[in-house]
Amino acid sequence: MNRPLFSDSPTNLAEMSVSELSGSIKRTVETAFDHVRVRGEISGYRGPHSSGHAYFSLKDDKARIDAVIWKGSFSKLRFRPEEGMEVIATGKITTFPGSSKYQIVIEALEPAGAGALMALIEERKRKLAAEGLFDPAAKQLLPFMPQVIGVITSPTGAVIRDILHRIADRFPVHVIVWPVKVQGEGSGDEVASAIRGFNALGPDGPIKRPDVLIVARGGGSLEDLWSFNDEAVVRAAAESHIPLISAVGHETDWTLIDHAADVRAPTPTGAAEMAVPVKADLQAQIAALSARLRGCSSRQMDTRRQNLKALVRALPSLDQLLALPRRRFDEAAMGLGRGLEKTALVKRGSLERAKAGLRLELLTVRLAERRRHIVEHVLRTDRCLERQLMRERGRIGRVEVSLAALPARLVTHIGRERLQLTALMRHADSSMRNAMGQRLAAVAAQDRVLQSLSYKNVLQRGYAVVRDENDQPLTRAEAIAAGAAITLEFADGRISALAGEGSEPLVSTPSSSAPTSKKRSAKPVEPAEGPPKQGSLF
């Protein structure tokens, strides 16, 4: 018997759709594995997604399972997942019907023991050291005496009280506390933000910028100190422009911020001791240095005083220094008198020679010659002007005669030229009169100068010229012998007299002025022996 090609199913199982089957499997898996703890190594972690969820895998040497941390659970994790980190994940198993895969939804995450944390720290330390964040050459020196100290720690712990108490005991300064969480979720970000916040303060702002920073917290386990191994904290400490002291935990506790800080303190109290000196020790040191300075100054002054005394003894005395200048001064004083006498003689000779050329007769002759020369020049000028006028008038007459013979058509033009010529003649006559007036004024001015220099003007003021029998002027009374005949010349004439007391005038002859002077000056007087005797003009 042959079977039909198509027939109904021989089983009584109900048919299910793919969605129904996937949903059944999902419920079964979630019911059976609603709370599990899985240990494995994180693989394929790229950080949180833009939605806030994190997707990666957990693996060991034989298997692999997908893992997801939803956004709400991710923000509550104490540790951030990192690639290659061995962790213990707590959550539930579920499936994803869209791809027929199962995965673990992680609700809590913790490192798989201290060994894994230490390995993670060593790996991070190598990475940051390769970037130069722990380079000793980049470390800054702490200021010797800071004025403001910034402290980054919890405001409620014993650490801040220990730091403040220690600073107050050693050297009281202004302390600014930036309160942060020192453990738990978000504590690393707060510490990093505090370090950068202190560095962002301006030097002239309302809050003074610290001169040194202290990052401190008490001791604890590796998990408690994990915030100070955070990469953000290490980078902020390395980038700080303010010197930073790391005081995290006890002396045996080491974190990555200790390598990035400029100085590591064994305890928070030790950080306070490093930040400020002891005021009492400084005062004692200053007092000791002041005493040494005073002693050195005193010894130096004594040494200089002794050296000065030795130099004074080596110097010559005042008399020795002044002996040569005094002698030169005395010689100069004696030579000065002789020089004055010699100079007086030389000057007297010069004056005598000048006196010889200033005789009254010579001056009178020169004045008469100058007056005659001026008169002749005036006469010549008058004759020249007259001849010039005659020539011009003759030329004008000839021009008028020639013009009278011109045709009638030129009469008008000639009339105009005649008027212009007449005006020019008037202008020429006026110019000639002005020129003559200026020349006559100049001659009169020179004559007045000559008259003012004549000795006869002096006679007008009541003076007289005394002459001897040879008509030579006498200038000294000792040159007149008793009974000698003398002549006295006044402004209005001359009189004769005899020298001696009670003598009577003999003859009174009127004196002629200019002509007599010219006649007398024409006959040269024989010079007497010795220097000429000339009377004063005034």
Protein backbone atom coordinates (compact mmCIF):
# COMPACT_ATOMS: atom_id res chain seq x y z
CA MET A 1 0.00 0.00 0.00
CA ASN A 2 1.48 3.28 -1.00
CA ARG A 3 1.70 6.32 1.47
CA PRO A 4 0.24 9.64 0.31
CA LEU A 5 2.69 12.29 -0.68
CA PHE A 6 1.31 14.81 1.81
CA SER A 7 -0.27 13.92 5.16
CA ASP A 8 -1.00 15.44 8.61
CA SER A 9 1.70 15.39 11.37
CA PRO A 10 1.73 12.19 13.34
CA THR A 11 2.38 14.11 16.69
CA ASN A 12 -0.02 16.03 18.84
CA LEU A 13 2.40 18.97 19.63
CA ALA A 14 0.87 22.41 19.25
CA GLU A 15 2.43 24.68 16.73
CA MET A 16 4.18 27.88 18.01
CA SER A 17 5.40 30.91 16.20
CA VAL A 18 8.99 32.05 16.38
CA SER A 19 8.02 34.95 18.60
CA GLU A 20 6.14 32.67 20.96
CA LEU A 21 9.07 30.29 21.12
CA SER A 22 11.56 33.15 21.78
CA GLY A 23 9.32 34.62 24.48
CA SER A 24 8.96 31.19 26.14
CA ILE A 25 12.71 30.72 26.14
CA LYS A 26 13.18 34.25 27.57
CA ARG A 27 10.79 33.57 30.44
CA THR A 28 12.36 30.21 31.14
CA VAL A 29 15.90 31.59 31.21
CA GLU A 30 15.00 34.63 33.32
CA THR A 31 13.13 32.38 35.79
CA ALA A 32 15.97 29.91 36.08
CA PHE A 33 18.79 32.50 36.19
CA ASP A 34 17.17 35.53 37.78
CA HIS A 35 20.17 36.19 40.10
CA VAL A 36 23.69 35.01 39.24
CA ARG A 37 27.28 36.02 39.95
CA VAL A 38 29.67 35.60 37.06
CA ARG A 39 33.45 35.99 37.13
CA GLY A 40 35.21 36.94 33.94
CA GLU A 41 37.39 39.37 32.02
CA ILE A 42 35.88 42.44 30.40
CA SER A 43 36.27 42.39 26.63
CA GLY A 44 35.18 44.84 23.94
CA TYR A 45 34.47 47.72 26.35
CA ARG A 46 34.33 51.09 24.58
CA GLY A 47 32.77 53.20 27.29
CA PRO A 48 29.13 54.13 27.79
CA HIS A 49 26.92 54.48 24.73
CA SER A 50 25.32 57.83 23.83
CA SER A 51 22.17 56.53 25.51
CA GLY A 52 24.09 56.00 28.77
CA HIS A 53 24.05 52.17 28.55
CA ALA A 54 27.30 50.14 28.41
CA TYR A 55 27.70 47.09 26.16
CA PHE A 56 30.60 44.63 26.35
CA SER A 57 31.40 40.94 26.94
CA LEU A 58 32.61 38.72 29.79
CA LYS A 59 34.94 35.89 28.85
CA ASP A 60 37.25 33.31 30.26
CA ASP A 61 39.57 30.90 28.47
CA LYS A 62 36.68 28.72 27.10
CA ALA A 63 33.50 30.78 26.78
CA ARG A 64 32.07 34.20 26.18
CA ILE A 65 28.82 35.92 27.19
CA ASP A 66 27.43 39.32 26.20
CA ALA A 67 26.80 41.80 28.99
CA VAL A 68 24.91 45.07 29.33
CA ILE A 69 24.73 47.67 32.10
CA TRP A 70 21.73 49.91 31.92
CA LYS A 71 22.14 53.65 32.50
CA GLY A 72 20.60 53.64 36.00
CA SER A 73 22.88 50.84 37.21
CA PHE A 74 25.98 52.28 35.51
CA SER A 75 25.81 55.52 37.53
CA LYS A 76 25.76 53.53 40.79
CA LEU A 77 28.88 51.43 40.12
CA ARG A 78 31.77 51.94 42.52
CA PHE A 79 34.28 51.06 39.78
CA ARG A 80 34.32 51.98 36.15
CA PRO A 81 34.67 49.01 33.78
CA GLU A 82 37.92 48.88 31.86
CA GLU A 83 39.17 46.70 29.06
CA GLY A 84 40.91 43.54 30.33
CA MET A 85 39.76 44.02 33.92
CA GLU A 86 38.74 40.82 35.76
CA VAL A 87 35.47 41.43 37.58
CA ILE A 88 32.65 39.70 39.38
CA ALA A 89 29.32 40.69 37.85
CA THR A 90 26.01 40.32 39.68
CA GLY A 91 22.80 40.35 37.65
CA LYS A 92 20.35 38.15 35.73
CA ILE A 93 20.42 36.23 32.46
CA THR A 94 18.04 37.23 29.72
CA THR A 95 17.66 36.69 26.02
CA PHE A 96 17.31 39.03 23.10
CA PRO A 97 14.66 37.55 20.79
CA GLY A 98 15.70 39.68 17.85
CA SER A 99 18.99 37.79 17.43
CA SER A 100 18.37 34.57 19.42
CA LYS A 101 21.18 35.48 21.86
CA TYR A 102 21.38 35.53 25.59
CA GLN A 103 23.19 38.08 27.77
CA ILE A 104 23.67 39.06 31.36
CA VAL A 105 22.13 42.27 32.63
CA ILE A 106 24.65 43.49 35.24
CA GLU A 107 23.31 45.24 38.32
CA ALA A 108 26.54 45.32 40.39
CA LEU A 109 30.19 45.07 39.44
CA GLU A 110 33.29 44.64 41.56
CA PRO A 111 36.91 43.73 40.90
CA ALA A 112 37.80 40.09 41.21
CA GLY A 113 40.08 40.52 44.26
CA ALA A 114 42.93 42.82 45.26
CA GLY A 115 45.30 41.20 42.84
CA ALA A 116 43.20 42.42 39.93
CA LEU A 117 43.09 45.95 41.34
CA MET A 118 46.84 46.00 41.79
CA ALA A 119 47.32 44.76 38.25
CA LEU A 120 45.00 47.51 37.02
CA ILE A 121 46.92 50.10 39.02
CA GLU A 122 50.22 48.88 37.61
CA GLU A 123 48.87 48.96 34.07
CA ARG A 124 47.53 52.51 34.56
CA LYS A 125 50.78 53.57 36.19
CA ARG A 126 52.79 52.36 33.20
CA LYS A 127 50.45 54.15 30.81
CA LEU A 128 50.58 57.47 32.64
CA ALA A 129 54.32 57.23 33.22
CA ALA A 130 54.82 56.75 29.49
CA GLU A 131 53.00 60.06 28.96
CA GLY A 132 55.45 61.85 31.30
CA LEU A 133 52.98 62.60 34.11
CA PHE A 134 55.38 61.21 36.74
CA ASP A 135 58.53 62.88 35.38
CA PRO A 136 60.66 64.10 38.33
CA ALA A 137 61.97 67.00 36.23
CA ALA A 138 58.44 68.46 36.11
CA LYS A 139 58.10 68.57 39.90
CA GLN A 140 57.74 72.05 41.44
CA LEU A 141 59.44 73.27 44.60
CA LEU A 142 57.27 74.13 47.57
CA PRO A 143 57.27 77.80 48.64
CA PHE A 144 59.24 78.38 51.83
CA MET A 145 56.64 80.58 53.51
CA PRO A 146 53.22 80.40 51.80
CA GLN A 147 50.59 83.00 52.64
CA VAL A 148 47.55 80.96 51.54
CA ILE A 149 47.15 77.16 51.67
CA GLY A 150 44.40 75.29 49.82
CA VAL A 151 43.20 71.99 51.33
CA ILE A 152 41.14 69.47 49.32
CA THR A 153 39.51 66.95 51.66
CA SER A 154 36.31 66.03 53.43
CA PRO A 155 35.07 68.89 55.65
CA THR A 156 33.71 66.51 58.33
CA GLY A 157 36.62 64.13 58.95
CA ALA A 158 39.45 64.28 61.43
CA VAL A 159 41.94 64.98 58.64
CA ILE A 160 40.97 68.65 58.21
CA ARG A 161 41.08 69.23 61.97
CA ASP A 162 44.57 67.72 62.20
CA ILE A 163 45.83 69.86 59.31
CA LEU A 164 44.36 73.10 60.68
CA HIS A 165 45.62 72.39 64.20
CA ARG A 166 49.13 71.59 62.95
CA ILE A 167 49.33 74.71 60.78
CA ALA A 168 48.10 76.90 63.65
CA ASP A 169 50.79 75.45 65.95
CA ARG A 170 53.67 75.88 63.49
CA PHE A 171 52.93 79.03 61.49
CA PRO A 172 49.39 80.43 61.32
CA VAL A 173 48.42 81.28 57.72
CA HIS A 174 45.19 81.66 55.75
CA VAL A 175 43.69 78.24 54.86
CA ILE A 176 41.00 77.69 52.20
CA VAL A 177 39.16 74.34 52.32
CA TRP A 178 37.50 72.89 49.20
CA PRO A 179 35.10 70.24 50.48
CA VAL A 180 34.96 66.98 48.43
CA LYS A 181 34.00 63.34 48.84
CA VAL A 182 37.11 61.25 49.43
CA GLN A 183 35.60 57.84 48.55
CA GLY A 184 32.62 56.40 46.74
CA GLU A 185 30.98 57.17 43.43
CA GLY A 186 32.03 60.54 41.90
CA SER A 187 34.71 61.29 44.48
CA GLY A 188 37.51 61.22 41.87
CA ASP A 189 35.75 63.76 39.67
CA GLU A 190 35.20 66.06 42.67
CA VAL A 191 38.89 65.92 43.64
CA ALA A 192 39.97 66.62 40.05
CA SER A 193 37.50 69.52 39.80
CA ALA A 194 38.79 70.97 43.10
CA ILE A 195 42.42 70.92 41.89
CA ARG A 196 41.48 72.62 38.63
CA GLY A 197 39.24 75.09 40.48
CA PHE A 198 42.09 76.26 42.73
CA ASN A 199 44.34 76.69 39.66
CA ALA A 200 41.64 78.76 37.93
CA LEU A 201 41.58 81.39 40.70
CA GLY A 202 43.10 84.74 39.69
CA PRO A 203 45.80 86.48 41.73
CA ASP A 204 43.57 89.56 42.28
CA GLY A 205 40.19 87.83 42.67
CA PRO A 206 37.87 87.94 45.68
CA ILE A 207 39.28 84.57 46.81
CA LYS A 208 43.04 84.53 47.12
CA ARG A 209 44.85 81.97 45.03
CA PRO A 210 46.68 79.43 47.23
CA ASP A 211 50.45 79.21 47.16
CA VAL A 212 50.38 75.45 47.83
CA LEU A 213 47.69 72.71 47.69
CA ILE A 214 47.19 69.72 50.02
CA VAL A 215 45.09 66.74 48.85
CA ALA A 216 44.43 64.63 51.95
CA ARG A 217 42.30 61.84 53.40
CA GLY A 218 42.69 59.21 56.13
CA GLY A 219 43.79 55.64 55.74
CA GLY A 220 41.66 52.79 54.38
CA SER A 221 41.56 49.76 52.17
CA LEU A 222 42.53 49.67 48.53
CA GLU A 223 38.89 50.05 47.57
CA ASP A 224 38.48 53.04 49.88
CA LEU A 225 41.49 54.80 48.31
CA TRP A 226 40.51 53.87 44.77
CA SER A 227 39.31 57.40 43.91
CA PHE A 228 42.88 58.68 44.15
CA ASN A 229 43.95 56.14 41.52
CA ASP A 230 41.47 57.66 39.07
CA GLU A 231 43.05 58.83 35.83
CA ALA A 232 41.26 62.21 35.98
CA VAL A 233 42.70 62.90 39.46
CA VAL A 234 46.22 61.96 38.35
CA ARG A 235 46.04 64.20 35.28
CA ALA A 236 44.67 67.13 37.29
CA ALA A 237 47.50 66.77 39.83
CA ALA A 238 50.13 66.64 37.08
CA GLU A 239 48.69 69.69 35.29
CA SER A 240 48.48 71.83 38.47
CA HIS A 241 50.51 75.05 38.29
CA ILE A 242 50.28 75.36 42.07
CA PRO A 243 52.69 73.08 43.99
CA LEU A 244 50.69 70.09 45.28
CA ILE A 245 51.27 67.86 48.32
CA SER A 246 49.67 64.41 48.31
CA ALA A 247 48.67 63.15 51.78
CA VAL A 248 46.42 60.15 51.06
CA GLY A 249 46.26 57.41 53.69
CA HIS A 250 49.09 56.36 55.94
CA GLU A 251 52.77 56.06 55.15
CA THR A 252 52.37 52.55 53.74
CA ASP A 253 49.47 53.50 51.45
CA TRP A 254 50.43 54.42 47.90
CA THR A 255 48.13 55.75 45.19
CA LEU A 256 48.77 57.10 41.71
CA ILE A 257 48.28 60.72 42.85
CA ASP A 258 51.37 60.27 45.04
CA HIS A 259 53.46 59.81 41.87
CA ALA A 260 51.88 62.80 40.07
CA ALA A 261 52.07 65.21 43.03
CA ASP A 262 55.08 67.46 43.54
CA VAL A 263 55.64 66.13 47.08
CA ARG A 264 54.22 63.06 48.89
CA ALA A 265 53.55 63.35 52.62
CA PRO A 266 53.33 60.21 54.78
CA THR A 267 50.27 61.54 56.65
CA PRO A 268 47.99 64.59 56.50
CA THR A 269 49.77 65.97 59.57
CA GLY A 270 53.09 65.53 57.78
CA ALA A 271 51.68 67.48 54.82
CA ALA A 272 50.89 70.41 57.13
CA GLU A 273 54.45 70.27 58.48
CA MET A 274 55.85 70.30 54.95
CA ALA A 275 53.68 73.23 53.90
CA VAL A 276 54.76 75.72 56.60
CA PRO A 277 57.92 76.16 58.67
CA VAL A 278 58.02 76.48 62.45
CA LYS A 279 57.58 80.13 63.36
CA ALA A 280 59.46 79.81 66.66
CA ASP A 281 62.43 78.19 64.89
CA LEU A 282 62.45 80.99 62.32
CA GLN A 283 62.35 83.64 65.02
CA ALA A 284 65.22 81.95 66.84
CA GLN A 285 67.19 81.66 63.60
CA ILE A 286 66.56 85.30 62.79
CA ALA A 287 67.67 86.32 66.27
CA ALA A 288 70.85 84.26 65.93
CA LEU A 289 71.57 85.68 62.49
CA SER A 290 70.92 89.21 63.76
CA ALA A 291 73.39 88.66 66.60
CA ARG A 292 75.95 87.30 64.14
CA LEU A 293 75.33 90.26 61.85
CA ARG A 294 75.85 92.74 64.66
CA GLY A 295 79.03 90.96 65.71
CA CYS A 296 80.35 90.88 62.15
CA SER A 297 79.50 94.54 61.68
CA SER A 298 81.28 95.47 64.90
CA ARG A 299 84.37 93.46 63.96
CA GLN A 300 84.33 94.90 60.46
CA MET A 301 84.08 98.45 61.82
CA ASP A 302 86.99 97.79 64.19
CA THR A 303 89.09 96.41 61.34
CA ARG A 304 88.25 99.35 59.10
CA ARG A 305 88.98 101.80 61.92
CA GLN A 306 92.42 100.24 62.47
CA ASN A 307 93.17 100.30 58.74
CA LEU A 308 92.11 103.95 58.59
CA LYS A 309 94.38 104.84 61.47
CA ALA A 310 97.28 103.08 59.76
CA LEU A 311 96.59 105.00 56.55
CA VAL A 312 96.41 108.27 58.48
CA ARG A 313 99.81 107.61 60.00
CA ALA A 314 101.24 106.95 56.55
CA LEU A 315 99.89 110.21 55.13
CA PRO A 316 102.10 113.37 55.26
CA SER A 317 101.19 116.21 57.60
CA LEU A 318 99.30 119.32 56.56
CA ASP A 319 102.42 121.49 56.71
CA GLN A 320 104.29 119.08 54.45
CA LEU A 321 101.45 119.09 51.93
CA LEU A 322 101.19 122.89 51.93
CA ALA A 323 104.90 123.73 51.98
CA LEU A 324 105.43 123.66 48.21
CA PRO A 325 102.14 125.47 47.37
CA ARG A 326 102.96 128.13 49.98
CA ARG A 327 106.40 128.71 48.48
CA ARG A 328 104.94 129.00 44.99
CA PHE A 329 102.34 131.41 46.31
CA ASP A 330 104.97 133.61 47.99
CA GLU A 331 107.09 133.69 44.82
CA ALA A 332 104.02 134.57 42.77
CA ALA A 333 103.10 137.33 45.26
CA MET A 334 106.57 138.84 45.03
CA GLY A 335 106.58 138.62 41.25
CA LEU A 336 103.16 140.19 41.11
CA GLY A 337 104.40 143.51 42.55
CA ARG A 338 107.31 143.63 40.10
CA GLY A 339 104.98 142.72 37.27
CA LEU A 340 102.56 145.44 38.24
CA GLU A 341 105.34 148.02 38.28
CA LYS A 342 106.66 146.87 34.92
CA THR A 343 103.17 146.83 33.44
CA ALA A 344 102.51 150.34 34.80
CA LEU A 345 105.73 151.58 33.14
CA VAL A 346 104.79 149.97 29.85
CA LYS A 347 101.31 151.45 29.98
CA ARG A 348 102.71 154.87 30.92
CA GLY A 349 105.01 154.79 27.90
CA SER A 350 102.06 153.84 25.68
CA LEU A 351 100.07 156.72 27.10
CA GLU A 352 102.96 159.16 26.57
CA ARG A 353 103.27 158.06 22.95
CA ALA A 354 99.55 158.45 22.47
CA LYS A 355 99.73 161.85 24.20
CA ALA A 356 102.34 163.02 21.70
CA GLY A 357 99.86 162.51 18.87
CA LEU A 358 97.04 164.35 20.65
CA ARG A 359 98.46 167.90 20.77
CA LEU A 360 95.97 170.75 20.63
CA GLU A 361 97.58 172.32 17.55
CA LEU A 362 97.30 169.07 15.55
CA LEU A 363 93.68 168.64 16.54
CA THR A 364 92.93 172.26 15.61
CA VAL A 365 94.60 171.84 12.23
CA ARG A 366 92.69 168.66 11.53
CA LEU A 367 89.40 170.29 12.44
CA ALA A 368 90.15 173.31 10.22
CA GLU A 369 91.13 171.06 7.29
CA ARG A 370 88.00 168.99 7.72
CA ARG A 371 85.81 172.13 7.85
CA ARG A 372 87.52 173.56 4.72
CA HIS A 373 87.11 170.24 2.92
CA ILE A 374 83.40 170.17 3.75
CA VAL A 375 82.88 173.76 2.58
CA GLU A 376 84.70 173.04 -0.68
CA HIS A 377 82.64 169.90 -1.19
CA VAL A 378 79.42 171.89 -0.65
CA LEU A 379 80.53 174.55 -3.12
CA ARG A 380 81.48 171.95 -5.72
CA THR A 381 78.14 170.24 -5.22
CA ASP A 382 76.29 173.55 -5.72
CA ARG A 383 78.26 174.34 -8.89
CA CYS A 384 77.64 170.83 -10.22
CA LEU A 385 73.96 171.10 -9.56
CA GLU A 386 73.79 174.51 -11.25
CA ARG A 387 75.64 173.23 -14.31
CA GLN A 388 73.38 170.18 -14.43
CA LEU A 389 70.30 172.38 -14.24
CA MET A 390 71.64 174.62 -17.01
CA ARG A 391 72.32 171.63 -19.24
CA GLU A 392 68.85 170.21 -18.61
CA ARG A 393 67.22 173.59 -19.32
CA GLY A 394 69.21 173.97 -22.53
CA ARG A 395 68.24 170.48 -23.63
CA ILE A 396 64.61 171.20 -22.85
CA GLY A 397 64.77 174.45 -24.81
CA ARG A 398 66.24 172.65 -27.81
CA VAL A 399 63.54 170.02 -27.55
CA GLU A 400 60.86 172.75 -27.45
CA VAL A 401 62.32 174.41 -30.55
CA SER A 402 62.41 171.14 -32.42
CA LEU A 403 58.92 170.32 -31.31
CA ALA A 404 57.59 173.64 -32.64
CA ALA A 405 58.57 172.56 -36.17
CA LEU A 406 56.58 169.28 -36.06
CA PRO A 407 53.40 168.90 -38.10
CA ALA A 408 50.06 169.79 -36.59
CA ARG A 409 48.97 166.17 -36.30
CA LEU A 410 51.66 165.61 -33.70
CA VAL A 411 50.65 168.58 -31.59
CA THR A 412 48.32 166.56 -29.41
CA HIS A 413 50.91 163.85 -28.79
CA ILE A 414 53.60 166.39 -28.15
CA GLY A 415 51.30 168.22 -25.72
CA ARG A 416 50.95 165.10 -23.71
CA GLU A 417 54.68 164.49 -23.80
CA ARG A 418 55.26 168.12 -22.82
CA LEU A 419 52.97 167.78 -19.82
CA GLN A 420 54.76 164.60 -18.80
CA LEU A 421 58.12 166.25 -19.29
CA THR A 422 57.01 169.26 -17.26
CA ALA A 423 55.97 166.94 -14.43
CA LEU A 424 59.32 165.16 -14.66
CA MET A 425 61.12 168.47 -14.47
CA ARG A 426 59.17 169.46 -11.39
CA HIS A 427 59.99 166.08 -9.90
CA ALA A 428 63.66 166.53 -10.81
CA ASP A 429 63.76 170.01 -9.23
CA SER A 430 62.11 168.65 -6.10
CA SER A 431 64.56 165.72 -5.96
CA MET A 432 67.52 168.04 -6.40
CA ARG A 433 66.28 170.35 -3.64
CA ASN A 434 65.76 167.37 -1.34
CA ALA A 435 69.22 166.03 -2.14
CA MET A 436 70.73 169.45 -1.51
CA GLY A 437 68.84 169.75 1.77
CA GLN A 438 70.12 166.32 2.89
CA ARG A 439 73.72 167.19 1.97
CA LEU A 440 73.48 170.56 3.76
CA ALA A 441 71.98 168.82 6.84
CA ALA A 442 74.84 166.29 6.81
CA VAL A 443 77.40 169.09 6.53
CA ALA A 444 75.71 170.98 9.38
CA ALA A 445 75.73 167.82 11.54
CA GLN A 446 79.43 167.27 10.90
CA ASP A 447 80.09 170.93 11.68
CA ARG A 448 78.25 170.56 14.96
CA VAL A 449 80.40 167.54 15.78
CA LEU A 450 83.53 169.53 15.00
CA GLN A 451 82.35 172.43 17.14
CA SER A 452 81.55 170.08 20.03
CA LEU A 453 85.09 168.68 19.86
CA SER A 454 86.76 172.10 19.76
CA TYR A 455 88.45 173.23 22.95
CA LYS A 456 86.83 176.67 22.59
CA ASN A 457 83.54 175.14 23.76
CA VAL A 458 85.34 174.20 26.94
CA LEU A 459 86.46 177.82 27.34
CA GLN A 460 82.77 178.84 27.12
CA ARG A 461 82.16 176.97 30.40
CA GLY A 462 84.62 179.17 32.36
CA TYR A 463 87.93 177.44 31.70
CA ALA A 464 91.15 179.09 30.46
CA VAL A 465 94.30 177.96 28.62
CA VAL A 466 97.62 179.05 30.21
CA ARG A 467 100.47 179.55 27.73
CA ASP A 468 104.11 180.41 28.24
CA GLU A 469 106.09 183.10 26.36
CA ASN A 470 106.54 180.66 23.46
CA ASP A 471 102.79 180.27 23.21
CA GLN A 472 102.98 176.66 24.46
CA PRO A 473 100.24 175.45 26.81
CA LEU A 474 101.23 174.87 30.45
CA THR A 475 99.65 171.94 32.30
CA ARG A 476 101.40 172.10 35.72
CA ALA A 477 101.96 174.91 38.20
CA GLU A 478 105.49 173.76 38.96
CA ALA A 479 106.48 174.46 35.35
CA ILE A 480 105.82 178.24 35.85
CA ALA A 481 108.65 180.19 37.47
CA ALA A 482 107.89 183.19 39.65
CA GLY A 483 107.75 186.39 37.63
CA ALA A 484 107.50 184.51 34.29
CA ALA A 485 105.37 186.06 31.55
CA ILE A 486 102.27 183.97 30.74
CA THR A 487 99.22 184.37 28.54
CA LEU A 488 95.69 183.42 29.62
CA GLU A 489 93.28 182.60 26.83
CA PHE A 490 89.54 182.92 27.63
CA ALA A 491 86.48 182.43 25.47
CA ASP A 492 86.35 186.12 24.52
CA GLY A 493 90.07 186.84 24.18
CA ARG A 494 93.56 186.68 25.71
CA ILE A 495 95.35 188.59 28.48
CA SER A 496 98.99 188.72 29.51
CA ALA A 497 100.12 188.25 33.08
CA LEU A 498 103.16 187.71 35.29
CA ALA A 499 103.44 184.64 37.51
CA GLY A 500 103.57 185.34 41.22
CA GLU A 501 101.35 186.61 43.96
CA GLY A 502 99.82 190.13 43.49
CA SER A 503 100.97 190.43 39.83
CA GLU A 504 99.03 192.81 37.63
CA PRO A 505 97.95 192.02 34.09
CA LEU A 506 100.20 193.83 31.64
CA VAL A 507 98.47 193.82 28.27
CA SER A 508 94.99 192.79 27.25
CA THR A 509 94.68 191.84 23.58
CA PRO A 510 91.50 190.62 22.01
CA SER A 511 91.77 187.17 20.62
CA SER A 512 90.67 186.43 17.12
CA SER A 513 88.81 183.25 16.61
CA ALA A 514 89.11 181.20 13.44
CA PRO A 515 91.44 183.29 11.23
CA THR A 516 94.02 183.80 14.02
CA SER A 517 93.96 180.08 14.71
CA LYS A 518 94.49 179.32 11.03
CA LYS A 519 97.41 181.83 10.76
CA ARG A 520 99.10 180.44 13.90
CA SER A 521 98.64 176.87 12.83
CA ALA A 522 100.22 177.63 9.47
CA LYS A 523 103.55 178.39 11.22
CA PRO A 524 104.84 175.12 12.71
CA VAL A 525 106.10 175.24 16.25
CA GLU A 526 109.47 173.78 17.00
CA PRO A 527 109.01 170.88 19.41
CA ALA A 528 110.75 171.31 22.73
CA GLU A 529 113.00 168.72 24.20
CA GLY A 530 111.27 165.96 26.09
CA PRO A 531 107.63 164.92 25.84
CA PRO A 532 105.30 167.59 24.40
CA LYS A 533 103.32 169.63 26.89
CA GLN A 534 99.68 169.70 25.91
CA GLY A 535 96.80 171.17 27.92
CA SER A 536 93.63 169.26 28.58
CA LEU A 537 90.61 169.97 26.36
CA PHE A 538 88.23 169.84 29.28
